[in-house]
Amino acid sequence: CTAIAYETVTDDNGGLPLLAPMSEVAGRLAPQVGAWTLQK
């Protein structure tokens, strides 16, 4: 097959436009799940 990966598509600014939305979600989730994990 021919496989194109979302996470390595780039943009004019050197960013990763197809990874960015999930990075935003994962970044915002990380403290939330971390706070849950910190519970005794």
PDB file of all heavy atoms in Angstrom:
ATOM      1  N   CYS A   1       0.828  -1.211   0.000  1.00  0.00           N
ATOM      2  CA  CYS A   1       0.000   0.000   0.000  1.00  0.00           C
ATOM      3  C   CYS A   1       0.864   1.264   0.000  1.00  0.00           C
ATOM      4  O   CYS A   1       2.082   1.200   0.182  1.00  0.00           O
ATOM      5  CB  CYS A   1      -0.933   0.006   1.209  1.00  0.00           C
ATOM      6  SG  CYS A   1      -0.143   0.483   2.770  1.00  0.00           S
ATOM      7  N   THR A   2       0.206   2.389  -0.192  1.00  0.00           N
ATOM      8  CA  THR A   2       0.827   3.697  -0.024  1.00  0.00           C
ATOM      9  C   THR A   2       0.248   4.310   1.247  1.00  0.00           C
ATOM     10  O   THR A   2      -0.975   4.426   1.379  1.00  0.00           O
ATOM     11  CB  THR A   2       0.532   4.611  -1.226  1.00  0.00           C
ATOM     12  OG1 THR A   2       1.105   4.026  -2.397  1.00  0.00           O
ATOM     13  CG2 THR A   2       1.096   6.008  -1.015  1.00  0.00           C
ATOM     14  N   ALA A   3       1.106   4.666   2.197  1.00  0.00           N
ATOM     15  CA  ALA A   3       0.638   5.136   3.495  1.00  0.00           C
ATOM     16  C   ALA A   3       1.141   6.549   3.770  1.00  0.00           C
ATOM     17  O   ALA A   3       2.352   6.798   3.762  1.00  0.00           O
ATOM     18  CB  ALA A   3       1.099   4.189   4.604  1.00  0.00           C
ATOM     19  N   ILE A   4       0.212   7.441   4.017  1.00  0.00           N
ATOM     20  CA  ILE A   4       0.524   8.830   4.352  1.00  0.00           C
ATOM     21  C   ILE A   4       0.130   9.062   5.808  1.00  0.00           C
ATOM     22  O   ILE A   4      -1.021   8.822   6.197  1.00  0.00           O
ATOM     23  CB  ILE A   4      -0.210   9.803   3.412  1.00  0.00           C
ATOM     24  CG1 ILE A   4       0.309   9.614   1.984  1.00  0.00           C
ATOM     25  CG2 ILE A   4      -0.022  11.252   3.870  1.00  0.00           C
ATOM     26  CD1 ILE A   4      -0.377  10.491   0.957  1.00  0.00           C
ATOM     27  N   ALA A   5       1.097   9.514   6.613  1.00  0.00           N
ATOM     28  CA  ALA A   5       0.909   9.645   8.057  1.00  0.00           C
ATOM     29  C   ALA A   5       0.524  11.069   8.429  1.00  0.00           C
ATOM     30  O   ALA A   5       1.220  12.023   8.076  1.00  0.00           O
ATOM     31  CB  ALA A   5       2.186   9.242   8.789  1.00  0.00           C
ATOM     32  N   TYR A   6      -0.570  11.205   9.142  1.00  0.00           N
ATOM     33  CA  TYR A   6      -0.988  12.525   9.609  1.00  0.00           C
ATOM     34  C   TYR A   6       0.145  13.247  10.334  1.00  0.00           C
ATOM     35  O   TYR A   6       0.344  14.456  10.173  1.00  0.00           O
ATOM     36  CB  TYR A   6      -2.151  12.405  10.599  1.00  0.00           C
ATOM     37  CG  TYR A   6      -3.472  11.923  10.060  1.00  0.00           C
ATOM     38  CD1 TYR A   6      -4.450  11.442  10.934  1.00  0.00           C
ATOM     39  CD2 TYR A   6      -3.782  11.961   8.703  1.00  0.00           C
ATOM     40  CE1 TYR A   6      -5.683  11.008  10.481  1.00  0.00           C
ATOM     41  CE2 TYR A   6      -5.011  11.524   8.239  1.00  0.00           C
ATOM     42  CZ  TYR A   6      -5.961  11.041   9.129  1.00  0.00           C
ATOM     43  OH  TYR A   6      -7.180  10.609   8.682  1.00  0.00           O
ATOM     44  N   GLU A   7       0.886  12.490  11.167  1.00  0.00           N
ATOM     45  CA  GLU A   7       1.801  13.145  12.107  1.00  0.00           C
ATOM     46  C   GLU A   7       3.066  13.696  11.467  1.00  0.00           C
ATOM     47  O   GLU A   7       3.832  14.399  12.141  1.00  0.00           O
ATOM     48  CB  GLU A   7       2.163  12.197  13.260  1.00  0.00           C
ATOM     49  CG  GLU A   7       3.122  11.071  12.910  1.00  0.00           C
ATOM     50  CD  GLU A   7       2.426   9.840  12.351  1.00  0.00           C
ATOM     51  OE1 GLU A   7       1.202   9.886  12.089  1.00  0.00           O
ATOM     52  OE2 GLU A   7       3.116   8.827  12.179  1.00  0.00           O
ATOM     53  N   THR A   8       3.305  13.403  10.171  1.00  0.00           N
ATOM     54  CA  THR A   8       4.508  13.962   9.552  1.00  0.00           C
ATOM     55  C   THR A   8       4.194  14.949   8.426  1.00  0.00           C
ATOM     56  O   THR A   8       5.115  15.476   7.805  1.00  0.00           O
ATOM     57  CB  THR A   8       5.446  12.848   9.021  1.00  0.00           C
ATOM     58  OG1 THR A   8       4.786  12.094   8.008  1.00  0.00           O
ATOM     59  CG2 THR A   8       5.872  11.924  10.144  1.00  0.00           C
ATOM     60  N   VAL A   9       2.923  15.216   8.147  1.00  0.00           N
ATOM     61  CA  VAL A   9       2.562  16.290   7.219  1.00  0.00           C
ATOM     62  C   VAL A   9       2.955  17.621   7.862  1.00  0.00           C
ATOM     63  O   VAL A   9       2.740  17.835   9.060  1.00  0.00           O
ATOM     64  CB  VAL A   9       1.043  16.264   6.918  1.00  0.00           C
ATOM     65  CG1 VAL A   9       0.636  17.471   6.077  1.00  0.00           C
ATOM     66  CG2 VAL A   9       0.665  14.969   6.205  1.00  0.00           C
ATOM     67  N   THR A  10       3.538  18.524   7.075  1.00  0.00           N
ATOM     68  CA  THR A  10       4.057  19.780   7.622  1.00  0.00           C
ATOM     69  C   THR A  10       3.261  20.978   7.090  1.00  0.00           C
ATOM     70  O   THR A  10       2.301  20.829   6.344  1.00  0.00           O
ATOM     71  CB  THR A  10       5.544  19.951   7.251  1.00  0.00           C
ATOM     72  OG1 THR A  10       5.676  19.901   5.815  1.00  0.00           O
ATOM     73  CG2 THR A  10       6.390  18.841   7.870  1.00  0.00           C
ATOM     74  N   ASP A  11       3.680  22.187   7.506  1.00  0.00           N
ATOM     75  CA  ASP A  11       3.087  23.416   6.965  1.00  0.00           C
ATOM     76  C   ASP A  11       4.174  24.460   6.738  1.00  0.00           C
ATOM     77  O   ASP A  11       5.358  24.207   6.994  1.00  0.00           O
ATOM     78  CB  ASP A  11       1.962  23.952   7.860  1.00  0.00           C
ATOM     79  CG  ASP A  11       2.433  24.358   9.258  1.00  0.00           C
ATOM     80  OD1 ASP A  11       3.656  24.616   9.442  1.00  0.00           O
ATOM     81  OD2 ASP A  11       1.590  24.437  10.169  1.00  0.00           O
ATOM     82  N   ASP A  12       3.784  25.622   6.259  1.00  0.00           N
ATOM     83  CA  ASP A  12       4.755  26.667   5.911  1.00  0.00           C
ATOM     84  C   ASP A  12       5.540  27.172   7.111  1.00  0.00           C
ATOM     85  O   ASP A  12       6.630  27.732   6.961  1.00  0.00           O
ATOM     86  CB  ASP A  12       4.032  27.856   5.252  1.00  0.00           C
ATOM     87  CG  ASP A  12       3.552  27.536   3.846  1.00  0.00           C
ATOM     88  OD1 ASP A  12       4.153  26.652   3.207  1.00  0.00           O
ATOM     89  OD2 ASP A  12       2.567  28.157   3.400  1.00  0.00           O
ATOM     90  N   ASN A  13       4.999  27.005   8.302  1.00  0.00           N
ATOM     91  CA  ASN A  13       5.652  27.505   9.515  1.00  0.00           C
ATOM     92  C   ASN A  13       6.509  26.452  10.210  1.00  0.00           C
ATOM     93  O   ASN A  13       6.991  26.678  11.312  1.00  0.00           O
ATOM     94  CB  ASN A  13       4.596  28.030  10.497  1.00  0.00           C
ATOM     95  CG  ASN A  13       3.761  29.141   9.904  1.00  0.00           C
ATOM     96  OD1 ASN A  13       4.305  30.048   9.271  1.00  0.00           O
ATOM     97  ND2 ASN A  13       2.445  29.079  10.081  1.00  0.00           N
ATOM     98  N   GLY A  14       6.646  25.295   9.568  1.00  0.00           N
ATOM     99  CA  GLY A  14       7.415  24.222  10.187  1.00  0.00           C
ATOM    100  C   GLY A  14       6.614  23.430  11.192  1.00  0.00           C
ATOM    101  O   GLY A  14       7.166  22.594  11.921  1.00  0.00           O
ATOM    102  N   GLY A  15       5.308  23.673  11.247  1.00  0.00           N
ATOM    103  CA  GLY A  15       4.444  22.963  12.176  1.00  0.00           C
ATOM    104  C   GLY A  15       3.920  21.664  11.594  1.00  0.00           C
ATOM    105  O   GLY A  15       4.233  21.285  10.454  1.00  0.00           O
ATOM    106  N   LEU A  16       3.121  20.962  12.395  1.00  0.00           N
ATOM    107  CA  LEU A  16       2.532  19.686  12.010  1.00  0.00           C
ATOM    108  C   LEU A  16       1.013  19.830  12.118  1.00  0.00           C
ATOM    109  O   LEU A  16       0.418  19.536  13.146  1.00  0.00           O
ATOM    110  CB  LEU A  16       3.043  18.568  12.929  1.00  0.00           C
ATOM    111  CG  LEU A  16       4.568  18.408  12.962  1.00  0.00           C
ATOM    112  CD1 LEU A  16       4.989  17.474  14.087  1.00  0.00           C
ATOM    113  CD2 LEU A  16       5.090  17.895  11.618  1.00  0.00           C
ATOM    114  N   PRO A  17       0.363  20.297  11.040  1.00  0.00           N
ATOM    115  CA  PRO A  17      -1.028  20.723  11.125  1.00  0.00           C
ATOM    116  C   PRO A  17      -2.032  19.617  11.417  1.00  0.00           C
ATOM    117  O   PRO A  17      -3.116  19.888  11.920  1.00  0.00           O
ATOM    118  CB  PRO A  17      -1.292  21.337   9.740  1.00  0.00           C
ATOM    119  CG  PRO A  17      -0.302  20.673   8.837  1.00  0.00           C
ATOM    120  CD  PRO A  17       0.919  20.479   9.681  1.00  0.00           C
ATOM    121  N   LEU A  18      -1.679  18.357  11.092  1.00  0.00           N
ATOM    122  CA  LEU A  18      -2.602  17.267  11.366  1.00  0.00           C
ATOM    123  C   LEU A  18      -2.350  16.621  12.722  1.00  0.00           C
ATOM    124  O   LEU A  18      -3.195  15.880  13.230  1.00  0.00           O
ATOM    125  CB  LEU A  18      -2.536  16.206  10.259  1.00  0.00           C
ATOM    126  CG  LEU A  18      -2.779  16.728   8.840  1.00  0.00           C
ATOM    127  CD1 LEU A  18      -2.917  15.585   7.858  1.00  0.00           C
ATOM    128  CD2 LEU A  18      -3.997  17.633   8.788  1.00  0.00           C
ATOM    129  N   LEU A  19      -1.205  16.915  13.307  1.00  0.00           N
ATOM    130  CA  LEU A  19      -0.922  16.464  14.666  1.00  0.00           C
ATOM    131  C   LEU A  19      -1.381  17.508  15.681  1.00  0.00           C
ATOM    132  O   LEU A  19      -1.794  17.167  16.792  1.00  0.00           O
ATOM    133  CB  LEU A  19       0.574  16.198  14.828  1.00  0.00           C
ATOM    134  CG  LEU A  19       1.020  15.532  16.130  1.00  0.00           C
ATOM    135  CD1 LEU A  19       0.403  14.145  16.266  1.00  0.00           C
ATOM    136  CD2 LEU A  19       2.540  15.424  16.187  1.00  0.00           C
ATOM    137  N   ALA A  20      -1.331  18.782  15.281  1.00  0.00           N
ATOM    138  CA  ALA A  20      -1.612  19.877  16.216  1.00  0.00           C
ATOM    139  C   ALA A  20      -2.961  19.767  16.928  1.00  0.00           C
ATOM    140  O   ALA A  20      -3.029  19.949  18.154  1.00  0.00           O
ATOM    141  CB  ALA A  20      -1.496  21.222  15.497  1.00  0.00           C
ATOM    142  N   PRO A  21      -4.082  19.463  16.238  1.00  0.00           N
ATOM    143  CA  PRO A  21      -5.354  19.414  16.951  1.00  0.00           C
ATOM    144  C   PRO A  21      -5.378  18.363  18.057  1.00  0.00           C
ATOM    145  O   PRO A  21      -5.917  18.600  19.141  1.00  0.00           O
ATOM    146  CB  PRO A  21      -6.389  19.078  15.867  1.00  0.00           C
ATOM    147  CG  PRO A  21      -5.708  19.133  14.580  1.00  0.00           C
ATOM    148  CD  PRO A  21      -4.241  19.211  14.796  1.00  0.00           C
ATOM    149  N   MET A  22      -4.771  17.188  17.781  1.00  0.00           N
ATOM    150  CA  MET A  22      -4.749  16.153  18.813  1.00  0.00           C
ATOM    151  C   MET A  22      -3.720  16.476  19.894  1.00  0.00           C
ATOM    152  O   MET A  22      -3.889  16.091  21.044  1.00  0.00           O
ATOM    153  CB  MET A  22      -4.459  14.788  18.186  1.00  0.00           C
ATOM    154  CG  MET A  22      -5.526  14.305  17.211  1.00  0.00           C
ATOM    155  SD  MET A  22      -7.221  14.221  17.881  1.00  0.00           S
ATOM    156  CE  MET A  22      -7.871  15.845  17.453  1.00  0.00           C
ATOM    157  N   SER A  23      -2.670  17.196  19.519  1.00  0.00           N
ATOM    158  CA  SER A  23      -1.710  17.652  20.523  1.00  0.00           C
ATOM    159  C   SER A  23      -2.371  18.654  21.467  1.00  0.00           C
ATOM    160  O   SER A  23      -2.120  18.645  22.680  1.00  0.00           O
ATOM    161  CB  SER A  23      -0.502  18.297  19.846  1.00  0.00           C
ATOM    162  OG  SER A  23       0.206  17.353  19.076  1.00  0.00           O
ATOM    163  N   GLU A  24      -3.222  19.507  20.909  1.00  0.00           N
ATOM    164  CA  GLU A  24      -3.959  20.457  21.744  1.00  0.00           C
ATOM    165  C   GLU A  24      -4.875  19.722  22.722  1.00  0.00           C
ATOM    166  O   GLU A  24      -4.919  20.041  23.913  1.00  0.00           O
ATOM    167  CB  GLU A  24      -4.778  21.400  20.857  1.00  0.00           C
ATOM    168  CG  GLU A  24      -3.925  22.362  20.053  1.00  0.00           C
ATOM    169  CD  GLU A  24      -4.681  23.023  18.907  1.00  0.00           C
ATOM    170  OE1 GLU A  24      -5.831  22.634  18.631  1.00  0.00           O
ATOM    171  OE2 GLU A  24      -4.104  23.937  18.273  1.00  0.00           O
ATOM    172  N   VAL A  25      -5.580  18.723  22.202  1.00  0.00           N
ATOM    173  CA  VAL A  25      -6.480  17.943  23.069  1.00  0.00           C
ATOM    174  C   VAL A  25      -5.676  17.196  24.132  1.00  0.00           C
ATOM    175  O   VAL A  25      -5.999  17.246  25.326  1.00  0.00           O
ATOM    176  CB  VAL A  25      -7.317  16.957  22.233  1.00  0.00           C
ATOM    177  CG1 VAL A  25      -8.094  15.999  23.146  1.00  0.00           C
ATOM    178  CG2 VAL A  25      -8.290  17.708  21.326  1.00  0.00           C
ATOM    179  N   ALA A  26      -4.617  16.492  23.705  1.00  0.00           N
ATOM    180  CA  ALA A  26      -3.819  15.707  24.655  1.00  0.00           C
ATOM    181  C   ALA A  26      -3.162  16.607  25.695  1.00  0.00           C
ATOM    182  O   ALA A  26      -3.088  16.255  26.881  1.00  0.00           O
ATOM    183  CB  ALA A  26      -2.761  14.901  23.907  1.00  0.00           C
ATOM    184  N   GLY A  27      -2.690  17.779  25.255  1.00  0.00           N
ATOM    185  CA  GLY A  27      -2.079  18.711  26.199  1.00  0.00           C
ATOM    186  C   GLY A  27      -3.065  19.184  27.248  1.00  0.00           C
ATOM    187  O   GLY A  27      -2.752  19.241  28.447  1.00  0.00           O
ATOM    188  N   ARG A  28      -4.276  19.491  26.820  1.00  0.00           N
ATOM    189  CA  ARG A  28      -5.290  19.951  27.777  1.00  0.00           C
ATOM    190  C   ARG A  28      -5.778  18.830  28.683  1.00  0.00           C
ATOM    191  O   ARG A  28      -6.189  19.077  29.826  1.00  0.00           O
ATOM    192  CB  ARG A  28      -6.453  20.585  27.015  1.00  0.00           C
ATOM    193  CG  ARG A  28      -6.062  21.899  26.355  1.00  0.00           C
ATOM    194  CD  ARG A  28      -7.196  22.552  25.587  1.00  0.00           C
ATOM    195  NE  ARG A  28      -6.745  23.821  25.022  1.00  0.00           N
ATOM    196  CZ  ARG A  28      -7.453  24.947  25.054  1.00  0.00           C
ATOM    197  NH1 ARG A  28      -8.647  24.967  25.597  1.00  0.00           N
ATOM    198  NH2 ARG A  28      -6.959  26.048  24.525  1.00  0.00           N
ATOM    199  N   LEU A  29      -5.743  17.591  28.174  1.00  0.00           N
ATOM    200  CA  LEU A  29      -6.155  16.450  28.987  1.00  0.00           C
ATOM    201  C   LEU A  29      -5.099  16.062  30.022  1.00  0.00           C
ATOM    202  O   LEU A  29      -5.436  15.544  31.090  1.00  0.00           O
ATOM    203  CB  LEU A  29      -6.418  15.239  28.088  1.00  0.00           C
ATOM    204  CG  LEU A  29      -7.821  15.018  27.552  1.00  0.00           C
ATOM    205  CD1 LEU A  29      -7.832  13.797  26.627  1.00  0.00           C
ATOM    206  CD2 LEU A  29      -8.821  14.809  28.685  1.00  0.00           C
ATOM    207  N   ALA A  30      -3.822  16.266  29.696  1.00  0.00           N
ATOM    208  CA  ALA A  30      -2.737  15.738  30.525  1.00  0.00           C
ATOM    209  C   ALA A  30      -2.828  16.157  31.999  1.00  0.00           C
ATOM    210  O   ALA A  30      -2.734  15.302  32.891  1.00  0.00           O
ATOM    211  CB  ALA A  30      -1.386  16.121  29.934  1.00  0.00           C
ATOM    212  N   PRO A  31      -3.020  17.451  32.305  1.00  0.00           N
ATOM    213  CA  PRO A  31      -3.151  17.804  33.720  1.00  0.00           C
ATOM    214  C   PRO A  31      -4.412  17.217  34.365  1.00  0.00           C
ATOM    215  O   PRO A  31      -4.417  16.893  35.553  1.00  0.00           O
ATOM    216  CB  PRO A  31      -3.224  19.340  33.699  1.00  0.00           C
ATOM    217  CG  PRO A  31      -2.671  19.736  32.385  1.00  0.00           C
ATOM    218  CD  PRO A  31      -3.040  18.634  31.443  1.00  0.00           C
ATOM    219  N   GLN A  32      -5.462  17.069  33.548  1.00  0.00           N
ATOM    220  CA  GLN A  32      -6.720  16.519  34.065  1.00  0.00           C
ATOM    221  C   GLN A  32      -6.540  15.063  34.492  1.00  0.00           C
ATOM    222  O   GLN A  32      -6.919  14.672  35.601  1.00  0.00           O
ATOM    223  CB  GLN A  32      -7.784  16.638  32.968  1.00  0.00           C
ATOM    224  CG  GLN A  32      -9.158  16.124  33.311  1.00  0.00           C
ATOM    225  CD  GLN A  32     -10.139  16.385  32.168  1.00  0.00           C
ATOM    226  OE1 GLN A  32     -10.171  17.466  31.602  1.00  0.00           O
ATOM    227  NE2 GLN A  32     -10.934  15.381  31.832  1.00  0.00           N
ATOM    228  N   VAL A  33      -5.930  14.251  33.600  1.00  0.00           N
ATOM    229  CA  VAL A  33      -5.718  12.843  33.945  1.00  0.00           C
ATOM    230  C   VAL A  33      -4.617  12.712  34.996  1.00  0.00           C
ATOM    231  O   VAL A  33      -4.651  11.802  35.834  1.00  0.00           O
ATOM    232  CB  VAL A  33      -5.402  11.998  32.698  1.00  0.00           C
ATOM    233  CG1 VAL A  33      -6.575  12.026  31.727  1.00  0.00           C
ATOM    234  CG2 VAL A  33      -4.120  12.442  32.009  1.00  0.00           C
ATOM    235  N   GLY A  34      -3.644  13.619  34.947  1.00  0.00           N
ATOM    236  CA  GLY A  34      -2.600  13.598  35.966  1.00  0.00           C
ATOM    237  C   GLY A  34      -3.153  13.910  37.338  1.00  0.00           C
ATOM    238  O   GLY A  34      -2.764  13.292  38.338  1.00  0.00           O
ATOM    239  N   ALA A  35      -4.093  14.858  37.412  1.00  0.00           N
ATOM    240  CA  ALA A  35      -4.727  15.206  38.696  1.00  0.00           C
ATOM    241  C   ALA A  35      -5.505  14.014  39.242  1.00  0.00           C
ATOM    242  O   ALA A  35      -5.502  13.752  40.456  1.00  0.00           O
ATOM    243  CB  ALA A  35      -5.654  16.405  38.503  1.00  0.00           C
ATOM    244  N   TRP A  36      -6.169  13.271  38.332  1.00  0.00           N
ATOM    245  CA  TRP A  36      -6.895  12.066  38.746  1.00  0.00           C
ATOM    246  C   TRP A  36      -5.920  11.010  39.268  1.00  0.00           C
ATOM    247  O   TRP A  36      -6.165  10.367  40.294  1.00  0.00           O
ATOM    248  CB  TRP A  36      -7.690  11.534  37.557  1.00  0.00           C
ATOM    249  CG  TRP A  36      -8.432  10.262  37.817  1.00  0.00           C
ATOM    250  CD1 TRP A  36      -9.646  10.111  38.424  1.00  0.00           C
ATOM    251  CD2 TRP A  36      -7.995   8.937  37.475  1.00  0.00           C
ATOM    252  NE1 TRP A  36      -9.996   8.779  38.473  1.00  0.00           N
ATOM    253  CE2 TRP A  36      -9.003   8.033  37.894  1.00  0.00           C
ATOM    254  CE3 TRP A  36      -6.856   8.433  36.838  1.00  0.00           C
ATOM    255  CZ2 TRP A  36      -8.897   6.654  37.714  1.00  0.00           C
ATOM    256  CZ3 TRP A  36      -6.757   7.052  36.659  1.00  0.00           C
ATOM    257  CH2 TRP A  36      -7.764   6.187  37.095  1.00  0.00           C
ATOM    258  N   THR A  37      -4.794  10.856  38.583  1.00  0.00           N
ATOM    259  CA  THR A  37      -3.793   9.868  39.002  1.00  0.00           C
ATOM    260  C   THR A  37      -3.181  10.240  40.343  1.00  0.00           C
ATOM    261  O   THR A  37      -2.816   9.360  41.137  1.00  0.00           O
ATOM    262  CB  THR A  37      -2.694   9.740  37.932  1.00  0.00           C
ATOM    263  OG1 THR A  37      -3.299   9.473  36.661  1.00  0.00           O
ATOM    264  CG2 THR A  37      -1.724   8.616  38.247  1.00  0.00           C
ATOM    265  N   LEU A  38      -3.076  11.534  40.614  1.00  0.00           N
ATOM    266  CA  LEU A  38      -2.516  11.996  41.897  1.00  0.00           C
ATOM    267  C   LEU A  38      -3.413  11.688  43.089  1.00  0.00           C
ATOM    268  O   LEU A  38      -2.959  11.727  44.232  1.00  0.00           O
ATOM    269  CB  LEU A  38      -2.259  13.506  41.852  1.00  0.00           C
ATOM    270  CG  LEU A  38      -0.901  13.995  41.351  1.00  0.00           C
ATOM    271  CD1 LEU A  38      -0.867  15.518  41.317  1.00  0.00           C
ATOM    272  CD2 LEU A  38       0.239  13.469  42.222  1.00  0.00           C
ATOM    273  N   GLN A  39      -4.686  11.387  42.834  1.00  0.00           N
ATOM    274  CA  GLN A  39      -5.585  11.098  43.948  1.00  0.00           C
ATOM    275  C   GLN A  39      -5.127   9.828  44.671  1.00  0.00           C
ATOM    276  O   GLN A  39      -4.679   8.869  44.058  1.00  0.00           O
ATOM    277  CB  GLN A  39      -7.017  10.935  43.444  1.00  0.00           C
ATOM    278  CG  GLN A  39      -7.618  12.220  42.894  1.00  0.00           C
ATOM    279  CD  GLN A  39      -9.002  12.028  42.335  1.00  0.00           C
ATOM    280  OE1 GLN A  39      -9.724  11.117  42.728  1.00  0.00           O
ATOM    281  NE2 GLN A  39      -9.387  12.874  41.393  1.00  0.00           N
ATOM    282  N   LYS A  40      -5.249   9.825  45.977  1.00  0.00           N
ATOM    283  CA  LYS A  40      -4.731   8.731  46.793  1.00  0.00           C
ATOM    284  C   LYS A  40      -5.351   7.391  46.424  1.00  0.00           C
ATOM    285  O   LYS A  40      -4.668   6.355  46.394  1.00  0.00           O
ATOM    286  CB  LYS A  40      -4.983   9.025  48.274  1.00  0.00           C
ATOM    287  CG  LYS A  40      -4.225   8.115  49.225  1.00  0.00           C
ATOM    288  CD  LYS A  40      -2.718   8.322  49.095  1.00  0.00           C
ATOM    289  CE  LYS A  40      -1.952   7.408  50.055  1.00  0.00           C
ATOM    290  NZ  LYS A  40      -0.489   7.560  49.884  1.00  0.00           N
TER     291      LYS A  40
END
